Amino acid sequence: MKKIYFIFSALLLAMITSCSSGVRSKEITPTSTEFTSGELAKYIEVVDQPSELTFAEKDGAIATQYIRLKVTLQMTKDGFKNVDARDIDFTSLLSVAIINLVDENGANVQDLSVKSEDMLKLKKLLTGSEGDTEEFVFEGEYHNHDYAPKWFEQACQFTPYITGDISVESGSSSDVEMEENDMRTETPSFNLNNVLLPSQLKGKVEVINAEKSVNSYGSPSMVITFKLLSKVNTSSMCSEYGQMWIIGIGQTENGVDVEELLPYCREWGCGDTYGKEFKEFLESEPDETITLKFTGNKESSNDVESDLEKVKKFKLKITTHGLK
């Protein structure tokens, strides 16, 4: 009986070990504390202290590697008071906050993004006061990637990189929001014929409304309402993980990208974190509608309103990678 118990215990230990094999950790330090761009960068910074970097592997049909960095963020000014954290949104959820892992020469090794499970925690931090801190996990997930262990070994420090923009639901009683709403500039309704649908959606989805504006944070915005004409089979549009995103690009009358308003990834995102929102709409019943807000970048523009006037067409496309 003891022999059977010993064998069972050994097997159980082996199973646990195989599911979390190759866990390694080390401490690295930030090269700076400030993020380089984005609305969120005006509210948070990295606390200048060592952070734990870990590498882990998970076996399975598709082997998965994770590189994770625990980073403490601090509020640099008072946040959105009298606001429910759930009413705060990020316009480009795949790039809410990114840090670069760098090697001993300062060269970029790999980018890590705030873990999706930490989004609500980040929103709650934004309702706090100057000096408030909270720990977050920045993560990179890789599948059967031979380079992931090498990236972990090469990483000696990390550098805060970019952040996304923030929006607060209009029903919220935020003093900050009410002050900034005065800055919002709307333009006449956009020509619906100039919203260019991807080929996969032509004849199946109709654009019933489109408006471009400079939002309350000074960023270019395109709000589009879609109506489903017939249910769409999305299987050919999705990644192997069942995800798909719709993104847009503001263009001139001649189909040239308006460079001044392009984010670093050269695409206007709509905040569909997990690549499911628009997919579920396409798979729903005809006559369903969905409204998405696509947000560009203001950092490269000297006059966002004037540059937004150049946007006469808005080209949409389906992607399986989210924002690059």
C-alpha atoms as a PDB file:
ATOM      1  CA  MET A   1       0.000   0.000   0.000  1.00  0.00           C
ATOM      2  CA  LYS A   2       2.838   2.374   0.852  1.00  0.00           C
ATOM      3  CA  LYS A   3       4.465   1.560  -2.493  1.00  0.00           C
ATOM      4  CA  ILE A   4       1.280   2.437  -4.398  1.00  0.00           C
ATOM      5  CA  TYR A   5       0.947   5.700  -2.451  1.00  0.00           C
ATOM      6  CA  PHE A   6       4.557   6.594  -3.218  1.00  0.00           C
ATOM      7  CA  ILE A   7       4.097   5.944  -6.946  1.00  0.00           C
ATOM      8  CA  PHE A   8       0.895   8.031  -7.004  1.00  0.00           C
ATOM      9  CA  SER A   9       2.629  10.906  -5.187  1.00  0.00           C
ATOM     10  CA  ALA A  10       5.549  10.786  -7.577  1.00  0.00           C
ATOM     11  CA  LEU A  11       3.217  10.880 -10.587  1.00  0.00           C
ATOM     12  CA  LEU A  12       1.267  13.801  -9.138  1.00  0.00           C
ATOM     13  CA  LEU A  13       4.470  15.725  -8.497  1.00  0.00           C
ATOM     14  CA  ALA A  14       5.636  15.038 -12.041  1.00  0.00           C
ATOM     15  CA  MET A  15       2.339  16.331 -13.456  1.00  0.00           C
ATOM     16  CA  ILE A  16       2.542  19.548 -11.435  1.00  0.00           C
ATOM     17  CA  THR A  17       6.152  20.077 -12.426  1.00  0.00           C
ATOM     18  CA  SER A  18       5.414  19.509 -16.125  1.00  0.00           C
ATOM     19  CA  CYS A  19       2.650  22.146 -16.091  1.00  0.00           C
ATOM     20  CA  SER A  20       4.934  24.834 -14.736  1.00  0.00           C
ATOM     21  CA  SER A  21       8.323  23.673 -15.959  1.00  0.00           C
ATOM     22  CA  GLY A  22      11.255  25.988 -16.516  1.00  0.00           C
ATOM     23  CA  VAL A  23      10.256  28.764 -14.093  1.00  0.00           C
ATOM     24  CA  ARG A  24      13.108  31.246 -13.715  1.00  0.00           C
ATOM     25  CA  SER A  25      13.287  34.690 -12.178  1.00  0.00           C
ATOM     26  CA  LYS A  26      15.637  37.621 -11.725  1.00  0.00           C
ATOM     27  CA  GLU A  27      15.495  41.306 -10.821  1.00  0.00           C
ATOM     28  CA  ILE A  28      15.921  44.088 -13.352  1.00  0.00           C
ATOM     29  CA  THR A  29      15.688  47.877 -12.962  1.00  0.00           C
ATOM     30  CA  PRO A  30      14.013  50.626 -15.014  1.00  0.00           C
ATOM     31  CA  THR A  31      16.113  52.877 -17.237  1.00  0.00           C
ATOM     32  CA  SER A  32      13.629  55.692 -16.627  1.00  0.00           C
ATOM     33  CA  THR A  33      10.279  56.248 -14.922  1.00  0.00           C
ATOM     34  CA  GLU A  34       8.257  58.126 -17.554  1.00  0.00           C
ATOM     35  CA  PHE A  35       6.228  56.637 -20.406  1.00  0.00           C
ATOM     36  CA  THR A  36       6.897  58.353 -23.715  1.00  0.00           C
ATOM     37  CA  SER A  37       3.389  59.076 -25.020  1.00  0.00           C
ATOM     38  CA  GLY A  38      -0.351  58.606 -24.634  1.00  0.00           C
ATOM     39  CA  GLU A  39      -3.006  60.118 -22.364  1.00  0.00           C
ATOM     40  CA  LEU A  40      -2.383  57.536 -19.629  1.00  0.00           C
ATOM     41  CA  ALA A  41       1.248  58.679 -19.434  1.00  0.00           C
ATOM     42  CA  LYS A  42       0.014  61.979 -17.965  1.00  0.00           C
ATOM     43  CA  TYR A  43      -1.262  60.134 -14.884  1.00  0.00           C
ATOM     44  CA  ILE A  44       1.194  57.305 -14.161  1.00  0.00           C
ATOM     45  CA  GLU A  45       4.887  56.599 -13.940  1.00  0.00           C
ATOM     46  CA  VAL A  46       7.076  53.639 -12.996  1.00  0.00           C
ATOM     47  CA  VAL A  47       8.426  53.566  -9.435  1.00  0.00           C
ATOM     48  CA  ASP A  48      12.225  53.529  -9.595  1.00  0.00           C
ATOM     49  CA  GLN A  49      12.968  50.221  -7.905  1.00  0.00           C
ATOM     50  CA  PRO A  50      14.028  46.667  -8.882  1.00  0.00           C
ATOM     51  CA  SER A  51      11.270  44.589 -10.492  1.00  0.00           C
ATOM     52  CA  GLU A  52      10.943  40.810 -10.709  1.00  0.00           C
ATOM     53  CA  LEU A  53      11.183  39.331 -14.214  1.00  0.00           C
ATOM     54  CA  THR A  54      10.084  35.707 -14.611  1.00  0.00           C
ATOM     55  CA  PHE A  55      10.077  33.145 -17.404  1.00  0.00           C
ATOM     56  CA  ALA A  56       7.742  30.150 -17.349  1.00  0.00           C
ATOM     57  CA  GLU A  57       6.719  27.393 -19.729  1.00  0.00           C
ATOM     58  CA  LYS A  58       3.451  25.488 -19.864  1.00  0.00           C
ATOM     59  CA  ASP A  59       3.265  22.193 -21.718  1.00  0.00           C
ATOM     60  CA  GLY A  60       0.276  21.218 -23.810  1.00  0.00           C
ATOM     61  CA  ALA A  61      -0.905  20.626 -27.374  1.00  0.00           C
ATOM     62  CA  ILE A  62       0.577  24.051 -28.057  1.00  0.00           C
ATOM     63  CA  ALA A  63       3.489  24.785 -25.751  1.00  0.00           C
ATOM     64  CA  THR A  64       3.273  28.275 -24.246  1.00  0.00           C
ATOM     65  CA  GLN A  65       6.009  30.467 -22.812  1.00  0.00           C
ATOM     66  CA  TYR A  66       5.434  33.516 -20.628  1.00  0.00           C
ATOM     67  CA  ILE A  67       7.713  36.411 -19.772  1.00  0.00           C
ATOM     68  CA  ARG A  68       6.256  38.492 -16.936  1.00  0.00           C
ATOM     69  CA  LEU A  69       7.475  41.610 -15.170  1.00  0.00           C
ATOM     70  CA  LYS A  70       6.009  42.902 -11.892  1.00  0.00           C
ATOM     71  CA  VAL A  71       6.071  46.707 -12.029  1.00  0.00           C
ATOM     72  CA  THR A  72       4.861  49.208  -9.440  1.00  0.00           C
ATOM     73  CA  LEU A  73       3.092  52.206 -10.989  1.00  0.00           C
ATOM     74  CA  GLN A  74       2.461  55.505  -9.222  1.00  0.00           C
ATOM     75  CA  MET A  75      -0.041  58.284  -9.857  1.00  0.00           C
ATOM     76  CA  THR A  76       1.697  61.543 -10.782  1.00  0.00           C
ATOM     77  CA  LYS A  77      -1.415  63.649 -10.195  1.00  0.00           C
ATOM     78  CA  ASP A  78      -4.954  63.269  -8.892  1.00  0.00           C
ATOM     79  CA  GLY A  79      -7.108  61.024 -11.055  1.00  0.00           C
ATOM     80  CA  PHE A  80     -10.782  60.885 -11.981  1.00  0.00           C
ATOM     81  CA  LYS A  81     -12.632  61.622  -8.764  1.00  0.00           C
ATOM     82  CA  ASN A  82     -16.286  60.668  -8.241  1.00  0.00           C
ATOM     83  CA  VAL A  83     -16.077  58.181 -11.118  1.00  0.00           C
ATOM     84  CA  ASP A  84     -16.834  54.469 -11.044  1.00  0.00           C
ATOM     85  CA  ALA A  85     -13.703  52.688 -12.264  1.00  0.00           C
ATOM     86  CA  ARG A  86     -15.847  50.628 -14.637  1.00  0.00           C
ATOM     87  CA  ASP A  87     -16.819  53.824 -16.485  1.00  0.00           C
ATOM     88  CA  ILE A  88     -13.184  54.412 -17.435  1.00  0.00           C
ATOM     89  CA  ASP A  89     -12.119  52.926 -20.754  1.00  0.00           C
ATOM     90  CA  PHE A  90      -8.964  52.740 -22.817  1.00  0.00           C
ATOM     91  CA  THR A  91      -9.273  53.492 -26.507  1.00  0.00           C
ATOM     92  CA  SER A  92      -6.502  51.107 -27.585  1.00  0.00           C
ATOM     93  CA  LEU A  93      -6.655  48.237 -25.148  1.00  0.00           C
ATOM     94  CA  LEU A  94      -3.866  46.249 -26.761  1.00  0.00           C
ATOM     95  CA  SER A  95      -1.487  49.092 -26.073  1.00  0.00           C
ATOM     96  CA  VAL A  96      -2.818  50.447 -22.770  1.00  0.00           C
ATOM     97  CA  ALA A  97       0.731  50.492 -21.408  1.00  0.00           C
ATOM     98  CA  ILE A  98       3.825  48.888 -22.885  1.00  0.00           C
ATOM     99  CA  ILE A  99       7.338  48.506 -21.549  1.00  0.00           C
ATOM    100  CA  ASN A 100      10.457  47.520 -23.497  1.00  0.00           C
ATOM    101  CA  LEU A 101      12.849  44.894 -22.169  1.00  0.00           C
ATOM    102  CA  VAL A 102      16.374  46.005 -23.096  1.00  0.00           C
ATOM    103  CA  ASP A 103      19.750  44.266 -23.119  1.00  0.00           C
ATOM    104  CA  GLU A 104      23.055  45.374 -21.607  1.00  0.00           C
ATOM    105  CA  ASN A 105      23.625  47.717 -24.571  1.00  0.00           C
ATOM    106  CA  GLY A 106      20.203  49.343 -24.252  1.00  0.00           C
ATOM    107  CA  ALA A 107      18.845  47.614 -27.368  1.00  0.00           C
ATOM    108  CA  ASN A 108      15.183  46.593 -27.391  1.00  0.00           C
ATOM    109  CA  VAL A 109      14.736  42.856 -26.721  1.00  0.00           C
ATOM    110  CA  GLN A 110      10.956  42.465 -26.488  1.00  0.00           C
ATOM    111  CA  ASP A 111       7.803  44.410 -25.557  1.00  0.00           C
ATOM    112  CA  LEU A 112       5.489  43.479 -22.676  1.00  0.00           C
ATOM    113  CA  SER A 113       1.926  44.750 -22.147  1.00  0.00           C
ATOM    114  CA  VAL A 114      -0.212  45.117 -19.033  1.00  0.00           C
ATOM    115  CA  LYS A 115      -1.857  41.778 -18.316  1.00  0.00           C
ATOM    116  CA  SER A 116      -5.559  41.838 -19.229  1.00  0.00           C
ATOM    117  CA  GLU A 117      -6.540  40.669 -15.741  1.00  0.00           C
ATOM    118  CA  ASP A 118      -4.979  43.865 -14.327  1.00  0.00           C
ATOM    119  CA  MET A 119      -7.109  46.275 -16.391  1.00  0.00           C
ATOM    120  CA  LEU A 120      -9.727  46.864 -13.709  1.00  0.00           C
ATOM    121  CA  LYS A 121      -6.999  47.383 -11.128  1.00  0.00           C
ATOM    122  CA  LEU A 122      -5.469  50.041 -13.398  1.00  0.00           C
ATOM    123  CA  LYS A 123      -8.834  51.760 -13.790  1.00  0.00           C
ATOM    124  CA  LYS A 124      -9.245  51.807 -10.007  1.00  0.00           C
ATOM    125  CA  LEU A 125      -5.796  53.366  -9.626  1.00  0.00           C
ATOM    126  CA  LEU A 126      -6.893  56.142 -11.997  1.00  0.00           C
ATOM    127  CA  THR A 127      -9.670  57.118  -9.582  1.00  0.00           C
ATOM    128  CA  GLY A 128      -7.088  57.711  -6.845  1.00  0.00           C
ATOM    129  CA  SER A 129      -4.821  60.525  -5.759  1.00  0.00           C
ATOM    130  CA  GLU A 130      -1.314  61.727  -6.544  1.00  0.00           C
ATOM    131  CA  GLY A 131       1.228  59.362  -4.984  1.00  0.00           C
ATOM    132  CA  ASP A 132      -1.021  56.275  -4.935  1.00  0.00           C
ATOM    133  CA  THR A 133       0.780  53.101  -6.052  1.00  0.00           C
ATOM    134  CA  GLU A 134      -0.192  49.637  -7.251  1.00  0.00           C
ATOM    135  CA  GLU A 135       1.693  46.625  -8.604  1.00  0.00           C
ATOM    136  CA  PHE A 136       0.934  45.372 -12.137  1.00  0.00           C
ATOM    137  CA  VAL A 137       2.072  42.464 -14.266  1.00  0.00           C
ATOM    138  CA  PHE A 138       3.372  43.197 -17.766  1.00  0.00           C
ATOM    139  CA  GLU A 139       3.318  40.051 -19.863  1.00  0.00           C
ATOM    140  CA  GLY A 140       4.361  38.542 -23.163  1.00  0.00           C
ATOM    141  CA  GLU A 141       2.839  35.228 -24.268  1.00  0.00           C
ATOM    142  CA  TYR A 142       4.537  33.074 -26.895  1.00  0.00           C
ATOM    143  CA  HIS A 143       3.622  29.745 -28.505  1.00  0.00           C
ATOM    144  CA  ASN A 144       6.324  27.214 -29.388  1.00  0.00           C
ATOM    145  CA  HIS A 145       8.745  30.122 -29.604  1.00  0.00           C
ATOM    146  CA  ASP A 146      12.408  29.149 -29.431  1.00  0.00           C
ATOM    147  CA  TYR A 147      13.447  32.751 -28.833  1.00  0.00           C
ATOM    148  CA  ALA A 148      11.484  33.391 -25.629  1.00  0.00           C
ATOM    149  CA  PRO A 149      14.129  31.869 -23.267  1.00  0.00           C
ATOM    150  CA  LYS A 150      16.817  33.909 -25.028  1.00  0.00           C
ATOM    151  CA  TRP A 151      14.835  37.119 -24.615  1.00  0.00           C
ATOM    152  CA  PHE A 152      14.557  36.434 -20.897  1.00  0.00           C
ATOM    153  CA  GLU A 153      18.307  35.896 -20.605  1.00  0.00           C
ATOM    154  CA  GLN A 154      19.157  39.009 -22.639  1.00  0.00           C
ATOM    155  CA  ALA A 155      16.888  41.355 -20.638  1.00  0.00           C
ATOM    156  CA  CYS A 156      18.952  43.406 -18.176  1.00  0.00           C
ATOM    157  CA  GLN A 157      16.695  46.444 -17.697  1.00  0.00           C
ATOM    158  CA  PHE A 158      13.336  47.774 -18.866  1.00  0.00           C
ATOM    159  CA  THR A 159      12.138  51.081 -20.293  1.00  0.00           C
ATOM    160  CA  PRO A 160       8.588  52.507 -20.010  1.00  0.00           C
ATOM    161  CA  TYR A 161       7.345  52.936 -23.579  1.00  0.00           C
ATOM    162  CA  ILE A 162       3.893  54.036 -24.774  1.00  0.00           C
ATOM    163  CA  THR A 163       0.403  54.203 -23.297  1.00  0.00           C
ATOM    164  CA  GLY A 164      -3.072  54.472 -24.759  1.00  0.00           C
ATOM    165  CA  ASP A 165      -5.676  57.194 -24.445  1.00  0.00           C
ATOM    166  CA  ILE A 166      -8.400  57.336 -21.793  1.00  0.00           C
ATOM    167  CA  SER A 167     -12.125  57.921 -22.144  1.00  0.00           C
ATOM    168  CA  VAL A 168     -14.701  58.333 -19.390  1.00  0.00           C
ATOM    169  CA  GLU A 169     -18.319  57.345 -19.992  1.00  0.00           C
ATOM    170  CA  SER A 170     -20.394  60.469 -20.545  1.00  0.00           C
ATOM    171  CA  GLY A 171     -22.767  59.648 -17.696  1.00  0.00           C
ATOM    172  CA  SER A 172     -19.971  59.833 -15.120  1.00  0.00           C
ATOM    173  CA  SER A 173     -19.779  62.834 -12.807  1.00  0.00           C
ATOM    174  CA  SER A 174     -16.092  63.544 -13.242  1.00  0.00           C
ATOM    175  CA  ASP A 175     -14.984  67.116 -12.694  1.00  0.00           C
ATOM    176  CA  VAL A 176     -12.044  66.480 -14.998  1.00  0.00           C
ATOM    177  CA  GLU A 177     -14.296  65.120 -17.704  1.00  0.00           C
ATOM    178  CA  MET A 178     -16.753  68.021 -17.494  1.00  0.00           C
ATOM    179  CA  GLU A 179     -13.927  70.509 -17.838  1.00  0.00           C
ATOM    180  CA  GLU A 180     -12.440  68.709 -20.823  1.00  0.00           C
ATOM    181  CA  ASN A 181     -15.768  68.140 -22.573  1.00  0.00           C
ATOM    182  CA  ASP A 182     -15.661  71.832 -23.478  1.00  0.00           C
ATOM    183  CA  MET A 183     -12.641  71.007 -25.643  1.00  0.00           C
ATOM    184  CA  ARG A 184     -14.572  68.509 -27.782  1.00  0.00           C
ATOM    185  CA  THR A 185     -14.857  69.592 -31.408  1.00  0.00           C
ATOM    186  CA  GLU A 186     -17.356  67.890 -33.689  1.00  0.00           C
ATOM    187  CA  THR A 187     -17.434  68.039 -37.473  1.00  0.00           C
ATOM    188  CA  PRO A 188     -20.393  67.368 -39.786  1.00  0.00           C
ATOM    189  CA  SER A 189     -21.442  63.735 -40.311  1.00  0.00           C
ATOM    190  CA  PHE A 190     -18.965  61.738 -42.357  1.00  0.00           C
ATOM    191  CA  ASN A 191     -19.866  60.670 -45.910  1.00  0.00           C
ATOM    192  CA  LEU A 192     -20.981  57.053 -45.417  1.00  0.00           C
ATOM    193  CA  ASN A 193     -19.757  56.117 -48.905  1.00  0.00           C
ATOM    194  CA  ASN A 194     -16.260  57.030 -47.765  1.00  0.00           C
ATOM    195  CA  VAL A 195     -16.213  54.442 -44.985  1.00  0.00           C
ATOM    196  CA  LEU A 196     -14.492  51.662 -46.890  1.00  0.00           C
ATOM    197  CA  LEU A 197     -15.477  48.185 -45.730  1.00  0.00           C
ATOM    198  CA  PRO A 198     -13.104  45.231 -46.078  1.00  0.00           C
ATOM    199  CA  SER A 199     -13.987  42.814 -48.894  1.00  0.00           C
ATOM    200  CA  GLN A 200     -15.107  40.114 -46.413  1.00  0.00           C
ATOM    201  CA  LEU A 201     -17.932  42.371 -45.178  1.00  0.00           C
ATOM    202  CA  LYS A 202     -19.246  43.934 -48.383  1.00  0.00           C
ATOM    203  CA  GLY A 203     -22.917  43.101 -48.884  1.00  0.00           C
ATOM    204  CA  LYS A 204     -23.125  41.658 -45.370  1.00  0.00           C
ATOM    205  CA  VAL A 205     -22.575  44.766 -43.225  1.00  0.00           C
ATOM    206  CA  GLU A 206     -23.863  48.288 -43.780  1.00  0.00           C
ATOM    207  CA  VAL A 207     -22.525  51.526 -42.305  1.00  0.00           C
ATOM    208  CA  ILE A 208     -25.533  53.509 -41.081  1.00  0.00           C
ATOM    209  CA  ASN A 209     -23.741  56.373 -39.308  1.00  0.00           C
ATOM    210  CA  ALA A 210     -20.225  57.812 -39.081  1.00  0.00           C
ATOM    211  CA  GLU A 211     -18.935  60.913 -37.343  1.00  0.00           C
ATOM    212  CA  LYS A 212     -15.424  62.184 -36.873  1.00  0.00           C
ATOM    213  CA  SER A 213     -14.428  64.499 -34.036  1.00  0.00           C
ATOM    214  CA  VAL A 214     -11.660  65.631 -31.742  1.00  0.00           C
ATOM    215  CA  ASN A 215     -12.547  63.968 -28.460  1.00  0.00           C
ATOM    216  CA  SER A 216     -12.374  65.476 -24.986  1.00  0.00           C
ATOM    217  CA  TYR A 217      -8.696  64.498 -24.681  1.00  0.00           C
ATOM    218  CA  GLY A 218      -7.704  66.155 -27.941  1.00  0.00           C
ATOM    219  CA  SER A 219      -7.372  62.885 -29.875  1.00  0.00           C
ATOM    220  CA  PRO A 220      -8.879  62.247 -33.320  1.00  0.00           C
ATOM    221  CA  SER A 221     -11.905  59.971 -33.174  1.00  0.00           C
ATOM    222  CA  MET A 222     -14.151  58.220 -35.676  1.00  0.00           C
ATOM    223  CA  VAL A 223     -17.443  56.785 -34.347  1.00  0.00           C
ATOM    224  CA  ILE A 224     -19.088  54.305 -36.723  1.00  0.00           C
ATOM    225  CA  THR A 225     -22.381  52.431 -36.378  1.00  0.00           C
ATOM    226  CA  PHE A 226     -22.656  49.165 -38.311  1.00  0.00           C
ATOM    227  CA  LYS A 227     -25.825  47.213 -39.187  1.00  0.00           C
ATOM    228  CA  LEU A 228     -25.702  43.485 -39.917  1.00  0.00           C
ATOM    229  CA  LEU A 229     -27.454  42.532 -43.168  1.00  0.00           C
ATOM    230  CA  SER A 230     -26.740  38.806 -42.970  1.00  0.00           C
ATOM    231  CA  LYS A 231     -24.955  36.527 -40.516  1.00  0.00           C
ATOM    232  CA  VAL A 232     -21.247  36.164 -41.300  1.00  0.00           C
ATOM    233  CA  ASN A 233     -19.155  32.997 -41.044  1.00  0.00           C
ATOM    234  CA  THR A 234     -16.049  34.374 -39.329  1.00  0.00           C
ATOM    235  CA  SER A 235     -13.962  31.179 -39.264  1.00  0.00           C
ATOM    236  CA  SER A 236     -11.722  32.245 -42.153  1.00  0.00           C
ATOM    237  CA  MET A 237     -11.134  35.669 -40.564  1.00  0.00           C
ATOM    238  CA  CYS A 238     -10.004  34.430 -37.140  1.00  0.00           C
ATOM    239  CA  SER A 239      -6.637  33.479 -35.717  1.00  0.00           C
ATOM    240  CA  GLU A 240      -6.037  29.950 -34.454  1.00  0.00           C
ATOM    241  CA  TYR A 241      -7.246  31.236 -31.065  1.00  0.00           C
ATOM    242  CA  GLY A 242     -10.592  32.392 -32.467  1.00  0.00           C
ATOM    243  CA  GLN A 243      -9.820  36.119 -32.368  1.00  0.00           C
ATOM    244  CA  MET A 244     -10.309  38.874 -34.924  1.00  0.00           C
ATOM    245  CA  TRP A 245     -10.204  42.660 -34.813  1.00  0.00           C
ATOM    246  CA  ILE A 246     -11.472  45.456 -37.015  1.00  0.00           C
ATOM    247  CA  ILE A 247      -9.175  48.454 -37.263  1.00  0.00           C
ATOM    248  CA  GLY A 248      -9.182  51.612 -39.382  1.00  0.00           C
ATOM    249  CA  ILE A 249      -6.932  54.132 -41.090  1.00  0.00           C
ATOM    250  CA  GLY A 250      -7.806  57.780 -41.743  1.00  0.00           C
ATOM    251  CA  GLN A 251      -7.057  58.733 -45.345  1.00  0.00           C
ATOM    252  CA  THR A 252      -7.234  61.716 -47.665  1.00  0.00           C
ATOM    253  CA  GLU A 253      -9.613  61.973 -50.646  1.00  0.00           C
ATOM    254  CA  ASN A 254      -6.889  60.287 -52.729  1.00  0.00           C
ATOM    255  CA  GLY A 255      -6.512  57.331 -50.363  1.00  0.00           C
ATOM    256  CA  VAL A 256      -3.263  58.497 -48.762  1.00  0.00           C
ATOM    257  CA  ASP A 257      -2.838  57.802 -45.026  1.00  0.00           C
ATOM    258  CA  VAL A 258      -2.964  60.952 -42.873  1.00  0.00           C
ATOM    259  CA  GLU A 259       0.421  60.385 -41.227  1.00  0.00           C
ATOM    260  CA  GLU A 260       0.014  63.065 -38.541  1.00  0.00           C
ATOM    261  CA  LEU A 261      -2.810  61.104 -36.898  1.00  0.00           C
ATOM    262  CA  LEU A 262      -1.394  57.573 -37.158  1.00  0.00           C
ATOM    263  CA  PRO A 263      -0.522  55.788 -33.909  1.00  0.00           C
ATOM    264  CA  TYR A 264       2.867  54.049 -33.670  1.00  0.00           C
ATOM    265  CA  CYS A 265       1.183  50.864 -34.964  1.00  0.00           C
ATOM    266  CA  ARG A 266      -0.202  52.824 -37.965  1.00  0.00           C
ATOM    267  CA  GLU A 267      -3.768  51.756 -37.205  1.00  0.00           C
ATOM    268  CA  TRP A 268      -6.716  53.356 -35.389  1.00  0.00           C
ATOM    269  CA  GLY A 269      -7.904  50.850 -32.773  1.00  0.00           C
ATOM    270  CA  CYS A 270     -11.449  50.544 -31.421  1.00  0.00           C
ATOM    271  CA  GLY A 271     -10.727  49.145 -27.952  1.00  0.00           C
ATOM    272  CA  ASP A 272     -11.846  45.554 -28.601  1.00  0.00           C
ATOM    273  CA  THR A 273      -9.481  44.001 -26.060  1.00  0.00           C
ATOM    274  CA  TYR A 274      -9.945  40.329 -26.754  1.00  0.00           C
ATOM    275  CA  GLY A 275     -10.919  40.395 -30.407  1.00  0.00           C
ATOM    276  CA  LYS A 276     -14.456  39.192 -29.653  1.00  0.00           C
ATOM    277  CA  GLU A 277     -16.811  42.202 -29.685  1.00  0.00           C
ATOM    278  CA  PHE A 278     -17.044  42.736 -33.449  1.00  0.00           C
ATOM    279  CA  LYS A 279     -16.811  38.974 -34.085  1.00  0.00           C
ATOM    280  CA  GLU A 280     -19.881  38.329 -31.918  1.00  0.00           C
ATOM    281  CA  PHE A 281     -21.732  41.087 -33.780  1.00  0.00           C
ATOM    282  CA  LEU A 282     -20.977  39.451 -37.146  1.00  0.00           C
ATOM    283  CA  GLU A 283     -22.225  36.099 -35.858  1.00  0.00           C
ATOM    284  CA  SER A 284     -25.492  37.552 -34.478  1.00  0.00           C
ATOM    285  CA  GLU A 285     -28.861  37.866 -36.207  1.00  0.00           C
ATOM    286  CA  PRO A 286     -29.525  40.304 -39.107  1.00  0.00           C
ATOM    287  CA  ASP A 287     -30.573  43.865 -38.199  1.00  0.00           C
ATOM    288  CA  GLU A 288     -28.300  43.889 -35.124  1.00  0.00           C
ATOM    289  CA  THR A 289     -26.210  47.046 -34.790  1.00  0.00           C
ATOM    290  CA  ILE A 290     -22.944  47.922 -33.104  1.00  0.00           C
ATOM    291  CA  THR A 291     -21.226  51.271 -32.574  1.00  0.00           C
ATOM    292  CA  LEU A 292     -17.429  51.386 -32.353  1.00  0.00           C
ATOM    293  CA  LYS A 293     -15.154  54.327 -31.624  1.00  0.00           C
ATOM    294  CA  PHE A 294     -11.846  54.299 -33.497  1.00  0.00           C
ATOM    295  CA  THR A 295      -9.122  56.533 -32.053  1.00  0.00           C
ATOM    296  CA  GLY A 296      -6.057  57.903 -33.759  1.00  0.00           C
ATOM    297  CA  ASN A 297      -2.953  59.569 -32.356  1.00  0.00           C
ATOM    298  CA  LYS A 298      -2.438  63.235 -31.525  1.00  0.00           C
ATOM    299  CA  GLU A 299       1.247  63.156 -30.559  1.00  0.00           C
ATOM    300  CA  SER A 300       2.608  63.815 -34.077  1.00  0.00           C
ATOM    301  CA  SER A 301       0.104  66.527 -34.920  1.00  0.00           C
ATOM    302  CA  ASN A 302       0.590  70.254 -34.443  1.00  0.00           C
ATOM    303  CA  ASP A 303      -3.115  70.880 -35.054  1.00  0.00           C
ATOM    304  CA  VAL A 304      -5.344  67.828 -34.614  1.00  0.00           C
ATOM    305  CA  GLU A 305      -8.486  69.596 -35.824  1.00  0.00           C
ATOM    306  CA  SER A 306      -6.827  70.700 -39.079  1.00  0.00           C
ATOM    307  CA  ASP A 307      -5.261  67.287 -39.644  1.00  0.00           C
ATOM    308  CA  LEU A 308      -8.621  65.605 -38.997  1.00  0.00           C
ATOM    309  CA  GLU A 309     -10.111  67.797 -41.736  1.00  0.00           C
ATOM    310  CA  LYS A 310      -7.779  65.967 -44.129  1.00  0.00           C
ATOM    311  CA  VAL A 311      -9.503  62.668 -43.308  1.00  0.00           C
ATOM    312  CA  LYS A 312     -12.044  62.249 -46.106  1.00  0.00           C
ATOM    313  CA  LYS A 313     -11.991  58.449 -46.194  1.00  0.00           C
ATOM    314  CA  PHE A 314     -11.789  55.846 -43.452  1.00  0.00           C
ATOM    315  CA  LYS A 315     -10.445  52.485 -44.574  1.00  0.00           C
ATOM    316  CA  LEU A 316     -11.405  49.477 -42.443  1.00  0.00           C
ATOM    317  CA  LYS A 317      -9.746  46.091 -42.408  1.00  0.00           C
ATOM    318  CA  ILE A 318      -9.935  42.797 -40.547  1.00  0.00           C
ATOM    319  CA  THR A 319      -6.829  41.539 -38.776  1.00  0.00           C
ATOM    320  CA  THR A 320      -5.954  38.513 -36.637  1.00  0.00           C
ATOM    321  CA  HIS A 321      -3.243  40.240 -34.615  1.00  0.00           C
ATOM    322  CA  GLY A 322      -5.001  43.204 -33.019  1.00  0.00           C
ATOM    323  CA  LEU A 323      -2.876  46.347 -32.972  1.00  0.00           C
ATOM    324  CA  LYS A 324       0.672  45.617 -34.115  1.00  0.00           C
END
